[in-house]
Amino acid sequence: MTQALAAFNEHGLVLATDSRATRFDAAGRPEFFNVEKLFPLDNCCAILSGGAGVSVPLALAFRRDMERRRGMLDPEEIAAFAQVFLSRGYERYLRQHGPEPEGYRRLYFILAGYSPDSPSPGFQLFLLGSEENELPLRRIPVTDLVVMPRNLGMEMRLSQELGQGANLTEMLQMSKGFLEKMAAVKEEVGPPFYFATITREGFRRVKP
């Protein structure tokens, strides 16, 4: 189960995630492995996948499709298209493979981007999700931050820091500390961790 977060203020947008994923052997026992879950969609937008293992190939398929749609650059438009594309992909997967094991049926995607045409500061977050194989994916309202799975303590700390004008370096350090803490107490969360920023200059992978 992915631990991820995203947040923005006037300085820019931060994305952070672990890389641990789960698969099941022939006897139904869980096995852990590492996989990247954070991908740029273009210079100013990115997608972060989490939950059920199929989320990663779905995100990659969406990224490939976006590469053929270079004119679609507005984050709102990308999110609307992603909701349809990812819902159809998940539907095909469930039709072919059936439901995931109990407790592994949550699926979500965080889409993040910047548009100079959006209200200041121009950064946007969108959360698409499904619980218990729900279709189509729901668009879940978010503000200037997302923590998935939810962690109220981290949400409160992050909201306070955003309100006080924390810069990107401070937000990245906070994100790194949170992921390290989660990895220490949750078997399904683990390194390596991936981080990225989106500013008015575009998407950039970073190492806090």
N, C-alpha and C. Protein backbone atom coordinates (compact mmCIF):
# COMPACT_ATOMS: atom_id res chain seq x y z
N MET A 1 0.84 -1.19 0.00
CA MET A 1 0.00 0.00 0.00
C MET A 1 0.88 1.24 0.00
N THR A 2 0.75 2.05 -0.99
CA THR A 2 1.56 3.24 -1.15
C THR A 2 1.29 4.27 -0.05
N GLN A 3 2.35 4.94 0.41
CA GLN A 3 2.17 6.14 1.22
C GLN A 3 2.64 7.31 0.38
N ALA A 4 1.76 8.27 0.16
CA ALA A 4 2.07 9.37 -0.74
C ALA A 4 1.52 10.67 -0.18
N LEU A 5 2.10 11.77 -0.66
CA LEU A 5 1.56 13.08 -0.31
C LEU A 5 1.91 14.08 -1.39
N ALA A 6 1.11 15.12 -1.45
CA ALA A 6 1.33 16.22 -2.38
C ALA A 6 0.79 17.48 -1.73
N ALA A 7 1.46 18.61 -1.97
CA ALA A 7 1.03 19.87 -1.36
C ALA A 7 1.62 21.04 -2.13
N PHE A 8 0.94 22.18 -2.05
CA PHE A 8 1.47 23.36 -2.73
C PHE A 8 1.11 24.63 -1.97
N ASN A 9 1.93 25.66 -2.22
CA ASN A 9 1.62 27.03 -1.83
C ASN A 9 2.21 27.93 -2.91
N GLU A 10 2.46 29.19 -2.58
CA GLU A 10 2.92 30.11 -3.61
C GLU A 10 4.32 29.79 -4.13
N HIS A 11 5.08 28.97 -3.40
CA HIS A 11 6.44 28.64 -3.82
C HIS A 11 6.48 27.50 -4.84
N GLY A 12 5.45 26.68 -4.87
CA GLY A 12 5.44 25.56 -5.77
C GLY A 12 4.74 24.36 -5.17
N LEU A 13 4.86 23.23 -5.85
CA LEU A 13 4.15 22.01 -5.48
C LEU A 13 5.16 20.90 -5.24
N VAL A 14 4.93 20.12 -4.20
CA VAL A 14 5.80 19.00 -3.83
C VAL A 14 5.03 17.70 -3.93
N LEU A 15 5.66 16.66 -4.48
CA LEU A 15 5.12 15.31 -4.53
C LEU A 15 6.11 14.36 -3.88
N ALA A 16 5.62 13.39 -3.11
CA ALA A 16 6.50 12.44 -2.44
C ALA A 16 5.79 11.10 -2.30
N THR A 17 6.56 10.02 -2.46
CA THR A 17 5.98 8.68 -2.34
C THR A 17 7.05 7.66 -1.99
N ASP A 18 6.62 6.57 -1.38
CA ASP A 18 7.51 5.44 -1.19
C ASP A 18 7.49 4.59 -2.47
N SER A 19 8.15 3.42 -2.44
CA SER A 19 8.19 2.59 -3.65
C SER A 19 7.81 1.14 -3.40
N ARG A 20 7.33 0.84 -2.21
CA ARG A 20 7.02 -0.57 -1.91
C ARG A 20 5.68 -0.96 -2.53
N ALA A 21 5.66 -2.15 -3.11
CA ALA A 21 4.45 -2.71 -3.70
C ALA A 21 4.30 -4.16 -3.23
N THR A 22 3.09 -4.69 -3.41
CA THR A 22 2.78 -6.04 -2.92
C THR A 22 2.24 -6.90 -4.05
N ARG A 23 2.73 -8.14 -4.12
CA ARG A 23 2.13 -9.13 -5.01
C ARG A 23 1.94 -10.40 -4.20
N PHE A 24 1.22 -11.37 -4.76
CA PHE A 24 0.88 -12.57 -4.01
C PHE A 24 1.41 -13.80 -4.73
N ASP A 25 2.00 -14.72 -3.97
CA ASP A 25 2.51 -15.95 -4.58
C ASP A 25 1.37 -16.94 -4.80
N ALA A 26 1.70 -18.11 -5.29
CA ALA A 26 0.67 -19.11 -5.63
C ALA A 26 -0.16 -19.52 -4.42
N ALA A 27 0.42 -19.41 -3.23
CA ALA A 27 -0.30 -19.78 -2.02
C ALA A 27 -1.07 -18.61 -1.42
N GLY A 28 -1.02 -17.45 -2.08
CA GLY A 28 -1.74 -16.29 -1.59
C GLY A 28 -0.99 -15.48 -0.56
N ARG A 29 0.31 -15.79 -0.37
CA ARG A 29 1.11 -15.04 0.59
C ARG A 29 1.64 -13.76 -0.05
N PRO A 30 1.61 -12.63 0.67
CA PRO A 30 2.10 -11.38 0.09
C PRO A 30 3.62 -11.36 -0.03
N GLU A 31 4.11 -10.80 -1.13
CA GLU A 31 5.53 -10.58 -1.34
C GLU A 31 5.73 -9.10 -1.65
N PHE A 32 6.78 -8.51 -1.10
CA PHE A 32 7.03 -7.09 -1.30
C PHE A 32 8.16 -6.88 -2.30
N PHE A 33 8.00 -5.85 -3.13
CA PHE A 33 9.04 -5.46 -4.07
C PHE A 33 8.94 -3.95 -4.28
N ASN A 34 9.90 -3.39 -5.01
CA ASN A 34 9.94 -1.95 -5.20
C ASN A 34 9.58 -1.57 -6.62
N VAL A 35 8.84 -0.47 -6.76
CA VAL A 35 8.44 0.01 -8.08
C VAL A 35 8.26 1.52 -8.02
N GLU A 36 8.61 2.20 -9.10
CA GLU A 36 8.41 3.65 -9.15
C GLU A 36 6.94 3.95 -9.40
N LYS A 37 6.42 4.99 -8.73
CA LYS A 37 4.99 5.31 -8.81
C LYS A 37 4.71 6.76 -9.19
N LEU A 38 5.75 7.54 -9.44
CA LEU A 38 5.62 8.97 -9.70
C LEU A 38 6.19 9.29 -11.08
N PHE A 39 5.34 9.83 -11.98
CA PHE A 39 5.75 10.03 -13.35
C PHE A 39 5.32 11.41 -13.86
N PRO A 40 6.18 12.09 -14.60
CA PRO A 40 5.75 13.33 -15.26
C PRO A 40 4.83 13.01 -16.43
N LEU A 41 3.86 13.88 -16.67
CA LEU A 41 2.98 13.75 -17.82
C LEU A 41 3.38 14.71 -18.93
N ASP A 42 3.89 15.86 -18.54
CA ASP A 42 4.49 16.82 -19.45
C ASP A 42 5.37 17.72 -18.61
N ASN A 43 5.75 18.85 -19.10
CA ASN A 43 6.67 19.71 -18.36
C ASN A 43 6.07 20.26 -17.08
N CYS A 44 4.74 20.36 -16.99
CA CYS A 44 4.11 21.01 -15.84
C CYS A 44 3.08 20.15 -15.13
N CYS A 45 2.99 18.87 -15.45
CA CYS A 45 2.00 18.00 -14.81
C CYS A 45 2.63 16.65 -14.48
N ALA A 46 2.07 15.98 -13.46
CA ALA A 46 2.58 14.67 -13.04
C ALA A 46 1.44 13.84 -12.49
N ILE A 47 1.69 12.52 -12.43
CA ILE A 47 0.72 11.59 -11.85
C ILE A 47 1.45 10.72 -10.84
N LEU A 48 0.78 10.45 -9.72
CA LEU A 48 1.30 9.59 -8.67
C LEU A 48 0.25 8.53 -8.42
N SER A 49 0.64 7.26 -8.51
CA SER A 49 -0.32 6.17 -8.36
C SER A 49 -0.16 5.48 -7.02
N GLY A 50 -1.26 4.90 -6.53
CA GLY A 50 -1.20 4.21 -5.25
C GLY A 50 -2.31 3.20 -5.09
N GLY A 51 -2.16 2.37 -4.06
CA GLY A 51 -3.17 1.36 -3.79
C GLY A 51 -2.87 0.07 -4.52
N ALA A 52 -3.88 -0.54 -5.12
CA ALA A 52 -3.74 -1.82 -5.81
C ALA A 52 -2.62 -1.76 -6.84
N GLY A 53 -1.95 -2.90 -7.04
CA GLY A 53 -0.80 -2.96 -7.92
C GLY A 53 -1.06 -2.52 -9.34
N VAL A 54 -2.28 -2.68 -9.81
CA VAL A 54 -2.61 -2.30 -11.18
C VAL A 54 -2.51 -0.79 -11.38
N SER A 55 -2.43 -0.02 -10.30
CA SER A 55 -2.37 1.44 -10.44
C SER A 55 -1.14 1.88 -11.22
N VAL A 56 -0.01 1.18 -11.07
CA VAL A 56 1.22 1.58 -11.75
C VAL A 56 1.12 1.38 -13.26
N PRO A 57 0.76 0.18 -13.76
CA PRO A 57 0.61 0.05 -15.21
C PRO A 57 -0.46 0.95 -15.79
N LEU A 58 -1.52 1.24 -15.04
CA LEU A 58 -2.54 2.16 -15.53
C LEU A 58 -1.95 3.57 -15.66
N ALA A 59 -1.17 4.00 -14.67
CA ALA A 59 -0.56 5.32 -14.75
C ALA A 59 0.42 5.41 -15.92
N LEU A 60 1.18 4.35 -16.15
CA LEU A 60 2.12 4.34 -17.27
C LEU A 60 1.39 4.37 -18.61
N ALA A 61 0.27 3.64 -18.69
CA ALA A 61 -0.52 3.65 -19.93
C ALA A 61 -1.07 5.05 -20.18
N PHE A 62 -1.51 5.71 -19.13
CA PHE A 62 -2.01 7.08 -19.28
C PHE A 62 -0.89 8.01 -19.71
N ARG A 63 0.29 7.83 -19.15
CA ARG A 63 1.43 8.67 -19.55
C ARG A 63 1.74 8.48 -21.04
N ARG A 64 1.74 7.24 -21.52
CA ARG A 64 2.01 7.01 -22.94
C ARG A 64 0.95 7.67 -23.81
N ASP A 65 -0.31 7.59 -23.37
CA ASP A 65 -1.37 8.22 -24.15
C ASP A 65 -1.22 9.73 -24.16
N MET A 66 -0.79 10.29 -23.02
CA MET A 66 -0.59 11.73 -22.95
C MET A 66 0.51 12.21 -23.89
N GLU A 67 1.51 11.34 -24.10
CA GLU A 67 2.60 11.71 -25.01
C GLU A 67 2.10 11.93 -26.42
N ARG A 68 0.96 11.32 -26.75
CA ARG A 68 0.37 11.50 -28.08
C ARG A 68 -0.61 12.66 -28.12
N ARG A 69 -0.79 13.32 -26.98
CA ARG A 69 -1.76 14.41 -26.89
C ARG A 69 -1.08 15.67 -26.38
N ARG A 70 -0.06 16.10 -27.06
CA ARG A 70 0.76 17.21 -26.59
C ARG A 70 -0.01 18.52 -26.43
N GLY A 71 -1.16 18.65 -27.10
CA GLY A 71 -1.90 19.90 -26.99
C GLY A 71 -2.71 20.01 -25.72
N MET A 72 -2.86 18.90 -24.96
CA MET A 72 -3.68 18.89 -23.75
C MET A 72 -2.79 19.19 -22.55
N LEU A 73 -2.65 20.45 -22.21
CA LEU A 73 -1.69 20.85 -21.19
C LEU A 73 -2.33 21.40 -19.92
N ASP A 74 -3.60 21.75 -19.94
CA ASP A 74 -4.24 22.31 -18.76
C ASP A 74 -4.52 21.20 -17.74
N PRO A 75 -4.11 21.38 -16.46
CA PRO A 75 -4.30 20.33 -15.46
C PRO A 75 -5.75 19.90 -15.29
N GLU A 76 -6.68 20.84 -15.33
CA GLU A 76 -8.10 20.49 -15.20
C GLU A 76 -8.54 19.57 -16.33
N GLU A 77 -8.12 19.87 -17.53
CA GLU A 77 -8.46 19.05 -18.69
C GLU A 77 -7.80 17.67 -18.60
N ILE A 78 -6.56 17.64 -18.14
CA ILE A 78 -5.85 16.37 -17.98
C ILE A 78 -6.56 15.51 -16.94
N ALA A 79 -6.98 16.09 -15.83
CA ALA A 79 -7.66 15.34 -14.78
C ALA A 79 -8.98 14.75 -15.28
N ALA A 80 -9.73 15.53 -16.05
CA ALA A 80 -11.00 15.04 -16.59
C ALA A 80 -10.76 13.87 -17.54
N PHE A 81 -9.76 13.98 -18.40
CA PHE A 81 -9.45 12.91 -19.32
C PHE A 81 -8.94 11.68 -18.56
N ALA A 82 -8.11 11.90 -17.53
CA ALA A 82 -7.58 10.79 -16.73
C ALA A 82 -8.69 10.00 -16.06
N GLN A 83 -9.71 10.68 -15.58
CA GLN A 83 -10.81 9.99 -14.91
C GLN A 83 -11.46 8.98 -15.83
N VAL A 84 -11.67 9.36 -17.08
CA VAL A 84 -12.28 8.46 -18.06
C VAL A 84 -11.30 7.35 -18.45
N PHE A 85 -10.08 7.73 -18.81
CA PHE A 85 -9.08 6.78 -19.28
C PHE A 85 -8.78 5.72 -18.22
N LEU A 86 -8.51 6.15 -17.00
CA LEU A 86 -8.13 5.22 -15.94
C LEU A 86 -9.30 4.35 -15.50
N SER A 87 -10.51 4.90 -15.52
CA SER A 87 -11.70 4.10 -15.19
C SER A 87 -11.89 2.97 -16.19
N ARG A 88 -11.73 3.27 -17.47
CA ARG A 88 -11.86 2.24 -18.50
C ARG A 88 -10.78 1.18 -18.37
N GLY A 89 -9.55 1.62 -18.08
CA GLY A 89 -8.47 0.67 -17.90
C GLY A 89 -8.69 -0.24 -16.70
N TYR A 90 -9.17 0.32 -15.62
CA TYR A 90 -9.44 -0.47 -14.42
C TYR A 90 -10.59 -1.44 -14.67
N GLU A 91 -11.58 -1.00 -15.40
CA GLU A 91 -12.71 -1.88 -15.73
C GLU A 91 -12.23 -3.08 -16.55
N ARG A 92 -11.36 -2.84 -17.53
CA ARG A 92 -10.83 -3.95 -18.33
C ARG A 92 -10.03 -4.91 -17.46
N TYR A 93 -9.25 -4.36 -16.54
CA TYR A 93 -8.45 -5.20 -15.65
C TYR A 93 -9.34 -6.10 -14.78
N LEU A 94 -10.36 -5.52 -14.17
CA LEU A 94 -11.25 -6.30 -13.31
C LEU A 94 -12.01 -7.36 -14.10
N ARG A 95 -12.38 -7.03 -15.32
CA ARG A 95 -13.08 -7.99 -16.16
C ARG A 95 -12.19 -9.19 -16.48
N GLN A 96 -10.91 -8.93 -16.65
CA GLN A 96 -9.97 -9.99 -17.01
C GLN A 96 -9.45 -10.77 -15.81
N HIS A 97 -9.17 -10.06 -14.71
CA HIS A 97 -8.51 -10.70 -13.57
C HIS A 97 -9.39 -10.88 -12.35
N GLY A 98 -10.53 -10.23 -12.30
CA GLY A 98 -11.36 -10.29 -11.12
C GLY A 98 -10.84 -9.37 -10.03
N PRO A 99 -11.51 -9.32 -8.88
CA PRO A 99 -11.13 -8.39 -7.82
C PRO A 99 -9.79 -8.75 -7.18
N GLU A 100 -9.13 -7.74 -6.64
CA GLU A 100 -7.92 -7.97 -5.87
C GLU A 100 -8.28 -8.65 -4.54
N PRO A 101 -7.28 -9.23 -3.84
CA PRO A 101 -7.56 -9.83 -2.53
C PRO A 101 -8.16 -8.81 -1.57
N GLU A 102 -8.94 -9.29 -0.64
CA GLU A 102 -9.56 -8.43 0.37
C GLU A 102 -8.49 -7.60 1.07
N GLY A 103 -8.77 -6.30 1.21
CA GLY A 103 -7.83 -5.41 1.85
C GLY A 103 -6.86 -4.74 0.90
N TYR A 104 -6.89 -5.14 -0.38
CA TYR A 104 -5.99 -4.56 -1.39
C TYR A 104 -6.78 -4.00 -2.56
N ARG A 105 -7.98 -3.53 -2.31
CA ARG A 105 -8.86 -3.09 -3.40
C ARG A 105 -8.95 -1.58 -3.53
N ARG A 106 -8.20 -0.86 -2.73
CA ARG A 106 -8.17 0.60 -2.87
C ARG A 106 -7.25 0.98 -4.02
N LEU A 107 -7.70 1.93 -4.80
CA LEU A 107 -6.94 2.41 -5.96
C LEU A 107 -7.08 3.92 -6.01
N TYR A 108 -5.97 4.63 -6.18
CA TYR A 108 -6.08 6.08 -6.28
C TYR A 108 -4.94 6.66 -7.12
N PHE A 109 -5.19 7.85 -7.62
CA PHE A 109 -4.21 8.58 -8.42
C PHE A 109 -4.24 10.04 -8.00
N ILE A 110 -3.07 10.59 -7.76
CA ILE A 110 -2.93 12.02 -7.51
C ILE A 110 -2.40 12.66 -8.78
N LEU A 111 -3.12 13.63 -9.31
CA LEU A 111 -2.64 14.40 -10.45
C LEU A 111 -2.32 15.80 -9.99
N ALA A 112 -1.18 16.29 -10.42
CA ALA A 112 -0.70 17.59 -9.97
C ALA A 112 -0.21 18.39 -11.17
N GLY A 113 -0.40 19.71 -11.13
CA GLY A 113 0.06 20.50 -12.25
C GLY A 113 0.06 21.99 -11.98
N TYR A 114 0.62 22.70 -12.95
CA TYR A 114 0.65 24.15 -12.91
C TYR A 114 0.13 24.71 -14.22
N SER A 115 -0.70 25.75 -14.12
CA SER A 115 -1.18 26.45 -15.30
C SER A 115 -1.20 27.94 -15.02
N PRO A 116 -0.57 28.75 -15.86
CA PRO A 116 -0.60 30.20 -15.65
C PRO A 116 -2.00 30.78 -15.78
N ASP A 117 -2.91 30.03 -16.38
CA ASP A 117 -4.28 30.50 -16.56
C ASP A 117 -5.17 30.19 -15.36
N SER A 118 -4.67 29.39 -14.41
CA SER A 118 -5.44 29.06 -13.21
C SER A 118 -5.32 30.19 -12.18
N PRO A 119 -6.27 30.27 -11.26
CA PRO A 119 -6.17 31.30 -10.21
C PRO A 119 -4.85 31.17 -9.45
N SER A 120 -4.30 32.30 -9.03
CA SER A 120 -3.03 32.32 -8.30
C SER A 120 -3.11 31.40 -7.07
N PRO A 121 -2.07 30.58 -6.81
CA PRO A 121 -0.74 30.63 -7.43
C PRO A 121 -0.60 29.78 -8.69
N GLY A 122 -1.68 29.20 -9.20
CA GLY A 122 -1.63 28.47 -10.45
C GLY A 122 -1.40 26.99 -10.33
N PHE A 123 -1.18 26.48 -9.11
CA PHE A 123 -0.95 25.04 -8.90
C PHE A 123 -2.27 24.35 -8.57
N GLN A 124 -2.40 23.09 -9.00
CA GLN A 124 -3.65 22.37 -8.79
C GLN A 124 -3.37 20.91 -8.42
N LEU A 125 -4.24 20.36 -7.57
CA LEU A 125 -4.19 18.95 -7.19
C LEU A 125 -5.54 18.32 -7.45
N PHE A 126 -5.52 17.08 -7.94
CA PHE A 126 -6.73 16.31 -8.17
C PHE A 126 -6.52 14.90 -7.63
N LEU A 127 -7.54 14.34 -7.00
CA LEU A 127 -7.47 12.99 -6.45
C LEU A 127 -8.59 12.15 -7.07
N LEU A 128 -8.20 11.08 -7.75
CA LEU A 128 -9.15 10.12 -8.31
C LEU A 128 -9.02 8.83 -7.52
N GLY A 129 -10.15 8.21 -7.14
CA GLY A 129 -10.05 7.03 -6.32
C GLY A 129 -11.17 6.04 -6.49
N SER A 130 -10.92 4.83 -6.04
CA SER A 130 -11.91 3.75 -6.05
C SER A 130 -11.72 2.90 -4.80
N GLU A 131 -12.81 2.61 -4.12
CA GLU A 131 -12.79 1.71 -2.97
C GLU A 131 -13.57 0.45 -3.33
N GLU A 132 -13.03 -0.71 -3.02
CA GLU A 132 -13.72 -1.97 -3.24
C GLU A 132 -14.17 -2.13 -4.70
N ASN A 133 -13.26 -1.84 -5.63
CA ASN A 133 -13.51 -2.03 -7.07
C ASN A 133 -14.61 -1.13 -7.63
N GLU A 134 -14.88 -0.03 -6.96
CA GLU A 134 -15.90 0.93 -7.41
C GLU A 134 -15.53 1.50 -8.78
N LEU A 135 -16.51 1.57 -9.67
CA LEU A 135 -16.32 2.17 -11.00
C LEU A 135 -17.51 3.06 -11.32
N PRO A 136 -17.27 4.17 -12.03
CA PRO A 136 -15.96 4.69 -12.44
C PRO A 136 -15.21 5.28 -11.25
N LEU A 137 -13.93 5.61 -11.46
CA LEU A 137 -13.18 6.28 -10.42
C LEU A 137 -13.87 7.58 -10.02
N ARG A 138 -13.88 7.87 -8.73
CA ARG A 138 -14.48 9.10 -8.24
C ARG A 138 -13.45 10.22 -8.19
N ARG A 139 -13.89 11.42 -8.45
CA ARG A 139 -13.04 12.59 -8.24
C ARG A 139 -13.32 13.09 -6.84
N ILE A 140 -12.34 12.99 -5.96
CA ILE A 140 -12.49 13.30 -4.55
C ILE A 140 -12.00 14.73 -4.30
N PRO A 141 -12.83 15.59 -3.73
CA PRO A 141 -12.41 16.99 -3.53
C PRO A 141 -11.19 17.10 -2.62
N VAL A 142 -10.22 17.91 -3.01
CA VAL A 142 -9.04 18.20 -2.20
C VAL A 142 -8.78 19.71 -2.25
N THR A 143 -7.92 20.17 -1.36
CA THR A 143 -7.56 21.59 -1.33
C THR A 143 -6.13 21.75 -1.82
N ASP A 144 -5.25 22.23 -0.94
CA ASP A 144 -3.86 22.44 -1.33
C ASP A 144 -2.94 21.33 -0.84
N LEU A 145 -3.53 20.23 -0.34
CA LEU A 145 -2.70 19.10 0.10
C LEU A 145 -3.49 17.80 0.02
N VAL A 146 -2.74 16.70 -0.17
CA VAL A 146 -3.31 15.36 -0.17
C VAL A 146 -2.32 14.45 0.55
N VAL A 147 -2.81 13.64 1.49
CA VAL A 147 -2.01 12.60 2.12
C VAL A 147 -2.80 11.30 1.97
N MET A 148 -2.20 10.31 1.27
CA MET A 148 -2.88 9.04 1.04
C MET A 148 -1.95 7.88 1.38
N PRO A 149 -2.43 6.90 2.19
CA PRO A 149 -3.66 6.96 2.96
C PRO A 149 -3.64 8.15 3.92
N ARG A 150 -4.82 8.57 4.32
CA ARG A 150 -4.91 9.78 5.13
C ARG A 150 -4.19 9.61 6.46
N ASN A 151 -3.57 10.69 6.90
CA ASN A 151 -2.90 10.75 8.19
C ASN A 151 -3.18 12.14 8.75
N LEU A 152 -4.11 12.22 9.69
CA LEU A 152 -4.58 13.52 10.15
C LEU A 152 -3.47 14.35 10.79
N GLY A 153 -2.56 13.69 11.49
CA GLY A 153 -1.46 14.42 12.11
C GLY A 153 -0.59 15.09 11.07
N MET A 154 -0.24 14.36 10.01
CA MET A 154 0.59 14.93 8.96
C MET A 154 -0.18 16.00 8.20
N GLU A 155 -1.46 15.79 7.97
CA GLU A 155 -2.26 16.79 7.29
C GLU A 155 -2.28 18.10 8.06
N MET A 156 -2.43 18.02 9.38
CA MET A 156 -2.45 19.24 10.20
C MET A 156 -1.11 19.95 10.18
N ARG A 157 -0.02 19.19 10.30
CA ARG A 157 1.32 19.79 10.28
C ARG A 157 1.60 20.44 8.93
N LEU A 158 1.25 19.72 7.88
CA LEU A 158 1.51 20.23 6.54
C LEU A 158 0.69 21.48 6.26
N SER A 159 -0.58 21.48 6.68
CA SER A 159 -1.43 22.64 6.48
C SER A 159 -0.88 23.86 7.21
N GLN A 160 -0.38 23.64 8.42
CA GLN A 160 0.20 24.75 9.19
C GLN A 160 1.44 25.31 8.49
N GLU A 161 2.30 24.42 8.00
CA GLU A 161 3.52 24.86 7.33
C GLU A 161 3.20 25.60 6.03
N LEU A 162 2.23 25.10 5.29
CA LEU A 162 1.83 25.78 4.06
C LEU A 162 1.32 27.18 4.36
N GLY A 163 0.51 27.30 5.41
CA GLY A 163 -0.04 28.59 5.78
C GLY A 163 1.02 29.58 6.23
N GLN A 164 2.13 29.07 6.74
CA GLN A 164 3.22 29.93 7.20
C GLN A 164 4.23 30.22 6.10
N GLY A 165 3.92 29.74 4.87
CA GLY A 165 4.78 30.06 3.73
C GLY A 165 6.02 29.22 3.61
N ALA A 166 5.97 27.96 4.06
CA ALA A 166 7.14 27.08 3.96
C ALA A 166 7.64 27.01 2.52
N ASN A 167 8.97 27.01 2.35
CA ASN A 167 9.51 26.90 1.00
C ASN A 167 9.59 25.43 0.57
N LEU A 168 10.00 25.19 -0.66
CA LEU A 168 10.01 23.83 -1.19
C LEU A 168 10.97 22.93 -0.42
N THR A 169 12.12 23.46 -0.04
CA THR A 169 13.09 22.65 0.71
C THR A 169 12.50 22.20 2.04
N GLU A 170 11.80 23.08 2.72
CA GLU A 170 11.17 22.72 4.00
C GLU A 170 10.08 21.68 3.80
N MET A 171 9.28 21.84 2.76
CA MET A 171 8.21 20.86 2.50
C MET A 171 8.78 19.50 2.13
N LEU A 172 9.87 19.50 1.37
CA LEU A 172 10.50 18.23 1.00
C LEU A 172 11.08 17.53 2.21
N GLN A 173 11.73 18.27 3.10
CA GLN A 173 12.29 17.66 4.31
C GLN A 173 11.19 17.09 5.19
N MET A 174 10.09 17.80 5.31
CA MET A 174 8.96 17.31 6.09
C MET A 174 8.40 16.02 5.46
N SER A 175 8.30 16.01 4.14
CA SER A 175 7.79 14.83 3.44
C SER A 175 8.71 13.64 3.64
N LYS A 176 10.00 13.87 3.53
CA LYS A 176 10.97 12.79 3.72
C LYS A 176 10.88 12.22 5.13
N GLY A 177 10.80 13.09 6.14
CA GLY A 177 10.68 12.62 7.52
C GLY A 177 9.43 11.80 7.74
N PHE A 178 8.34 12.23 7.12
CA PHE A 178 7.08 11.50 7.27
C PHE A 178 7.17 10.12 6.64
N LEU A 179 7.73 10.01 5.44
CA LEU A 179 7.85 8.71 4.77
C LEU A 179 8.77 7.78 5.57
N GLU A 180 9.84 8.31 6.11
CA GLU A 180 10.75 7.49 6.93
C GLU A 180 10.03 6.98 8.17
N LYS A 181 9.22 7.83 8.78
CA LYS A 181 8.47 7.41 9.97
C LYS A 181 7.46 6.33 9.62
N MET A 182 6.75 6.48 8.51
CA MET A 182 5.78 5.47 8.09
C MET A 182 6.45 4.15 7.76
N ALA A 183 7.63 4.22 7.13
CA ALA A 183 8.35 3.00 6.78
C ALA A 183 8.80 2.24 8.03
N ALA A 184 9.05 2.97 9.12
CA ALA A 184 9.50 2.33 10.36
C ALA A 184 8.39 1.59 11.08
N VAL A 185 7.14 1.97 10.81
CA VAL A 185 6.02 1.36 11.54
C VAL A 185 5.08 0.55 10.66
N LYS A 186 5.23 0.65 9.32
CA LYS A 186 4.33 -0.07 8.42
C LYS A 186 5.14 -0.94 7.47
N GLU A 187 4.88 -2.23 7.49
CA GLU A 187 5.61 -3.17 6.64
C GLU A 187 5.40 -2.88 5.16
N GLU A 188 4.22 -2.36 4.82
CA GLU A 188 3.88 -2.14 3.42
C GLU A 188 4.40 -0.82 2.87
N VAL A 189 5.13 -0.06 3.66
CA VAL A 189 5.73 1.20 3.22
C VAL A 189 7.25 1.06 3.31
N GLY A 190 7.97 1.44 2.24
CA GLY A 190 9.41 1.29 2.30
C GLY A 190 10.15 2.08 1.24
N PRO A 191 11.46 2.27 1.47
CA PRO A 191 12.30 2.99 0.51
C PRO A 191 12.62 2.10 -0.70
N PRO A 192 13.21 2.71 -1.76
CA PRO A 192 13.59 4.12 -1.87
C PRO A 192 12.38 5.02 -2.01
N PHE A 193 12.55 6.27 -1.59
CA PHE A 193 11.50 7.25 -1.70
C PHE A 193 11.75 8.14 -2.92
N TYR A 194 10.67 8.60 -3.53
CA TYR A 194 10.76 9.45 -4.71
C TYR A 194 10.12 10.80 -4.42
N PHE A 195 10.78 11.86 -4.90
CA PHE A 195 10.31 13.22 -4.67
C PHE A 195 10.38 14.01 -5.97
N ALA A 196 9.47 14.96 -6.11
CA ALA A 196 9.50 15.86 -7.27
C ALA A 196 8.86 17.18 -6.88
N THR A 197 9.20 18.20 -7.63
CA THR A 197 8.56 19.50 -7.46
C THR A 197 8.00 19.95 -8.79
N ILE A 198 6.96 20.77 -8.72
CA ILE A 198 6.44 21.47 -9.89
C ILE A 198 6.42 22.94 -9.53
N THR A 199 7.14 23.74 -10.30
CA THR A 199 7.15 25.18 -10.12
C THR A 199 6.69 25.83 -11.42
N ARG A 200 6.77 27.13 -11.48
CA ARG A 200 6.42 27.82 -12.72
C ARG A 200 7.40 27.49 -13.84
N GLU A 201 8.57 26.95 -13.48
CA GLU A 201 9.54 26.53 -14.48
C GLU A 201 9.32 25.10 -14.95
N GLY A 202 8.46 24.33 -14.22
CA GLY A 202 8.14 22.99 -14.66
C GLY A 202 8.41 21.91 -13.63
N PHE A 203 8.33 20.64 -14.08
CA PHE A 203 8.50 19.45 -13.25
C PHE A 203 9.98 19.16 -13.06
N ARG A 204 10.35 18.73 -11.85
CA ARG A 204 11.74 18.37 -11.61
C ARG A 204 11.81 17.29 -10.51
N ARG A 205 12.52 16.21 -10.79
CA ARG A 205 12.79 15.21 -9.76
C ARG A 205 13.86 15.76 -8.83
N VAL A 206 13.71 15.50 -7.54
CA VAL A 206 14.66 16.03 -6.57
C VAL A 206 14.99 14.98 -5.50
N LYS A 207 16.08 15.22 -4.79
CA LYS A 207 16.47 14.40 -3.64
C LYS A 207 16.67 15.32 -2.45
N PRO A 208 15.77 15.28 -1.46
CA PRO A 208 15.90 16.17 -0.28
C PRO A 208 17.21 15.91 0.47
